[in-house]
C-alpha atoms as a PDB file:
ATOM      1  CA  MET A   1      99.579  63.071  92.510  1.00  0.00           C
ATOM      2  CA  LYS A   2      96.008  63.627  93.673  1.00  0.00           C
ATOM      3  CA  CYS A   3      96.887  62.686  97.260  1.00  0.00           C
ATOM      4  CA  LYS A   4      99.621  65.323  97.435  1.00  0.00           C
ATOM      5  CA  GLY A   5      97.230  68.027  96.248  1.00  0.00           C
ATOM      6  CA  LEU A   6      94.607  66.934  98.746  1.00  0.00           C
ATOM      7  CA  ASN A   7      97.120  66.960 101.607  1.00  0.00           C
ATOM      8  CA  GLU A   8      98.308  70.439 100.666  1.00  0.00           C
ATOM      9  CA  LEU A   9      94.710  71.665 100.533  1.00  0.00           C
ATOM     10  CA  MET A  10      93.956  70.236 103.971  1.00  0.00           C
ATOM     11  CA  THR A  11      96.991  71.855 105.581  1.00  0.00           C
ATOM     12  CA  GLU A  12      96.295  75.154 103.821  1.00  0.00           C
ATOM     13  CA  GLU A  13      92.731  75.289 105.191  1.00  0.00           C
ATOM     14  CA  GLU A  14      93.989  74.823 108.741  1.00  0.00           C
ATOM     15  CA  GLY A  15      96.330  77.772 108.299  1.00  0.00           C
ATOM     16  CA  MET A  16      93.525  79.912 106.938  1.00  0.00           C
ATOM     17  CA  GLY A  17      91.386  79.027 109.956  1.00  0.00           C
ATOM     18  CA  THR A  18      94.083  80.366 112.254  1.00  0.00           C
ATOM     19  CA  VAL A  19      94.381  83.554 110.226  1.00  0.00           C
ATOM     20  CA  GLU A  20      90.611  84.017 110.296  1.00  0.00           C
ATOM     21  CA  VAL A  21      90.475  83.603 114.077  1.00  0.00           C
ATOM     22  CA  ILE A  22      93.284  86.136 114.517  1.00  0.00           C
ATOM     23  CA  LEU A  23      91.501  88.627 112.249  1.00  0.00           C
ATOM     24  CA  ILE A  24      88.250  88.211 114.184  1.00  0.00           C
ATOM     25  CA  ILE A  25      90.075  88.840 117.466  1.00  0.00           C
ATOM     26  CA  VAL A  26      91.742  91.942 116.029  1.00  0.00           C
ATOM     27  CA  VAL A  27      88.370  93.308 114.859  1.00  0.00           C
ATOM     28  CA  LEU A  28      86.765  92.662 118.262  1.00  0.00           C
ATOM     29  CA  VAL A  29      89.610  94.349 120.123  1.00  0.00           C
ATOM     30  CA  GLY A  30      89.367  97.290 117.731  1.00  0.00           C
ATOM     31  CA  LEU A  31      85.638  97.648 118.407  1.00  0.00           C
ATOM     32  CA  VAL A  32      86.210  97.596 122.153  1.00  0.00           C
ATOM     33  CA  VAL A  33      88.868 100.291 121.834  1.00  0.00           C
ATOM     34  CA  ILE A  34      86.638 102.448 119.610  1.00  0.00           C
ATOM     35  CA  PHE A  35      83.530 102.207 121.813  1.00  0.00           C
ATOM     36  CA  LYS A  36      85.261 102.147 125.208  1.00  0.00           C
ATOM     37  CA  LYS A  37      84.419 105.771 125.995  1.00  0.00           C
ATOM     38  CA  GLU A  38      80.752 105.331 125.107  1.00  0.00           C
ATOM     39  CA  ILE A  39      80.458 102.181 127.212  1.00  0.00           C
ATOM     40  CA  VAL A  40      82.113 103.871 130.193  1.00  0.00           C
ATOM     41  CA  ASP A  41      79.823 106.910 129.838  1.00  0.00           C
ATOM     42  CA  ILE A  42      76.699 104.725 129.779  1.00  0.00           C
ATOM     43  CA  VAL A  43      77.780 102.770 132.863  1.00  0.00           C
ATOM     44  CA  ASN A  44      78.690 105.953 134.750  1.00  0.00           C
ATOM     45  CA  ASN A  45      75.315 107.516 133.910  1.00  0.00           C
ATOM     46  CA  LEU A  46      73.513 104.420 135.147  1.00  0.00           C
ATOM     47  CA  PHE A  47      75.429 104.440 138.438  1.00  0.00           C
ATOM     48  CA  ASP A  48      74.726 108.170 138.869  1.00  0.00           C
ATOM     49  CA  LYS A  49      70.989 107.579 138.390  1.00  0.00           C
ATOM     50  CA  ILE A  50      71.046 104.662 140.813  1.00  0.00           C
ATOM     51  CA  SER A  51      72.877 106.642 143.484  1.00  0.00           C
ATOM     52  CA  LYS A  52      70.505 109.617 143.086  1.00  0.00           C
ATOM     53  CA  GLN A  53      67.459 107.367 143.455  1.00  0.00           C
ATOM     54  CA  THR A  54      68.868 105.642 146.534  1.00  0.00           C
ATOM     55  CA  ASP A  55      69.416 109.048 148.176  1.00  0.00           C
ATOM     56  CA  LYS A  56      65.651 109.663 147.905  1.00  0.00           C
ATOM     57  CA  ILE A  57      64.845 106.479 149.839  1.00  0.00           C
END
């Protein structure tokens, strides 16, 4: 009896690990989607500053 319970627990934990990894990926993708505009704006501003400074040289 105890071996069956232990086997079920082991297989259940593996399934939960998969679910946890999927949830983490979903959260990360969501953060990228939410902050995409801000990241693009920051990069564009940096490139604008770089190009303006190179024009002075």
